[in-house]
């Protein structure tokens, strides 16, 4: 395997960097740190977007519950007005009789 690797490097004329040299290379370190910052930023952005999406879903559910409650209240008020009107008619009829 190493013979093939060195043969391919000889044919291209490129010598691969030594691993210890590459690990201590300030440009490599700076590039790695920059990539870590970018990855961290994207992870934070994704987590923030998930929270926004959860909040949107929660707001929709809260609005749905609010409108259902308003509908029940409107139904209750309509029923109460009917009962009240019937009770008033009953008192008027009692007085008139």
Protein backbone atom coordinates (compact mmCIF):
# COMPACT_ATOMS: atom_id res chain seq x y z
CA UNK A 1 0.00 0.00 0.00
CA UNK A 2 2.77 2.42 0.88
CA UNK A 3 4.55 1.51 -2.34
CA UNK A 4 1.45 2.47 -4.30
CA UNK A 5 1.08 5.68 -2.33
CA UNK A 6 4.67 6.69 -2.83
CA UNK A 7 4.48 5.68 -6.49
CA UNK A 8 1.42 7.88 -7.05
CA UNK A 9 3.09 10.76 -5.24
CA UNK A 10 6.21 10.36 -7.35
CA UNK A 11 4.22 10.45 -10.53
CA UNK A 12 2.42 13.66 -9.55
CA UNK A 13 5.45 15.21 -7.93
CA UNK A 14 3.40 16.11 -4.81
CA UNK A 15 4.77 15.23 -1.41
CA UNK A 16 2.04 14.85 1.22
CA UNK A 17 2.57 16.96 4.36
CA UNK A 18 3.82 15.22 7.44
CA UNK A 19 0.97 14.65 9.97
CA UNK A 20 2.75 16.46 12.80
CA UNK A 21 3.52 19.41 10.55
CA UNK A 22 -0.09 19.58 9.43
CA UNK A 23 -1.43 19.44 13.02
CA UNK A 24 0.81 22.34 14.08
CA UNK A 25 0.22 24.43 10.97
CA UNK A 26 -1.33 27.74 12.10
CA UNK A 27 -3.39 28.00 8.91
CA UNK A 28 -4.83 24.54 9.48
CA UNK A 29 -5.58 25.37 13.11
CA UNK A 30 -7.22 28.64 12.10
CA UNK A 31 -9.28 26.89 9.39
CA UNK A 32 -10.38 24.18 11.85
CA UNK A 33 -11.38 26.77 14.47
CA UNK A 34 -13.27 28.76 11.86
CA UNK A 35 -15.12 25.63 10.72
CA UNK A 36 -15.98 24.79 14.33
CA UNK A 37 -17.38 28.32 14.80
CA UNK A 38 -19.41 27.98 11.61
CA UNK A 39 -20.75 24.57 12.69
CA UNK A 40 -21.62 25.91 16.13
CA UNK A 41 -23.38 28.91 14.56
CA UNK A 42 -25.44 26.68 12.28
CA UNK A 43 -26.36 24.38 15.18
CA UNK A 44 -27.50 27.38 17.22
CA UNK A 45 -29.44 28.73 14.25
CA UNK A 46 -31.19 25.38 13.73
CA UNK A 47 -32.03 25.13 17.44
CA UNK A 48 -33.40 28.69 17.40
CA UNK A 49 -35.50 27.92 14.30
CA UNK A 50 -36.91 24.82 16.02
CA UNK A 51 -37.93 26.97 18.98
CA UNK A 52 -39.56 29.50 16.63
CA UNK A 53 -41.46 26.68 14.90
CA UNK A 54 -42.59 25.29 18.27
CA UNK A 55 -43.76 28.76 19.29
CA UNK A 56 -45.72 29.16 16.04
CA UNK A 57 -47.45 25.83 16.62
CA UNK A 58 -48.21 26.79 20.22
CA UNK A 59 -49.64 30.16 19.11
CA UNK A 60 -51.87 28.43 16.56
CA UNK A 61 -53.16 26.03 19.20
CA UNK A 62 -53.78 28.88 21.64
CA UNK A 63 -55.70 30.84 18.99
CA UNK A 64 -57.76 27.76 18.15
CA UNK A 65 -58.62 27.24 21.83
CA UNK A 66 -59.46 30.96 22.14
CA UNK A 67 -61.84 30.89 19.18
CA UNK A 68 -63.48 27.70 20.45
CA UNK A 69 -64.03 29.38 23.80
CA UNK A 70 -65.48 32.48 22.10
CA UNK A 71 -67.81 30.23 20.12
CA UNK A 72 -68.98 28.46 23.28
CA UNK A 73 -69.49 31.83 24.98
CA UNK A 74 -71.52 33.12 22.01
CA UNK A 75 -73.65 29.96 22.11
CA UNK A 76 -74.11 30.31 25.86
CA UNK A 77 -75.07 34.00 25.52
CA UNK A 78 -77.57 33.22 22.77
CA UNK A 79 -79.11 30.46 24.87
CA UNK A 80 -79.23 32.73 27.93
CA UNK A 81 -80.96 35.45 25.90
CA UNK A 82 -83.55 32.93 24.67
CA UNK A 83 -84.23 31.73 28.20
CA UNK A 84 -84.40 35.31 29.43
CA UNK A 85 -86.84 36.28 26.65
CA UNK A 86 -89.01 33.25 27.38
CA UNK A 87 -89.01 34.11 31.07
CA UNK A 88 -90.04 37.69 30.28
CA UNK A 89 -92.87 36.42 28.09
CA UNK A 90 -93.97 34.18 30.89
CA UNK A 91 -94.15 37.10 33.35
CA UNK A 92 -96.02 39.22 30.83
CA UNK A 93 -98.46 36.41 30.16
CA UNK A 94 -98.94 35.82 33.90
CA UNK A 95 -99.67 39.47 34.48
CA UNK A 96 -101.98 39.62 31.51
CA UNK A 97 -103.96 36.57 32.56
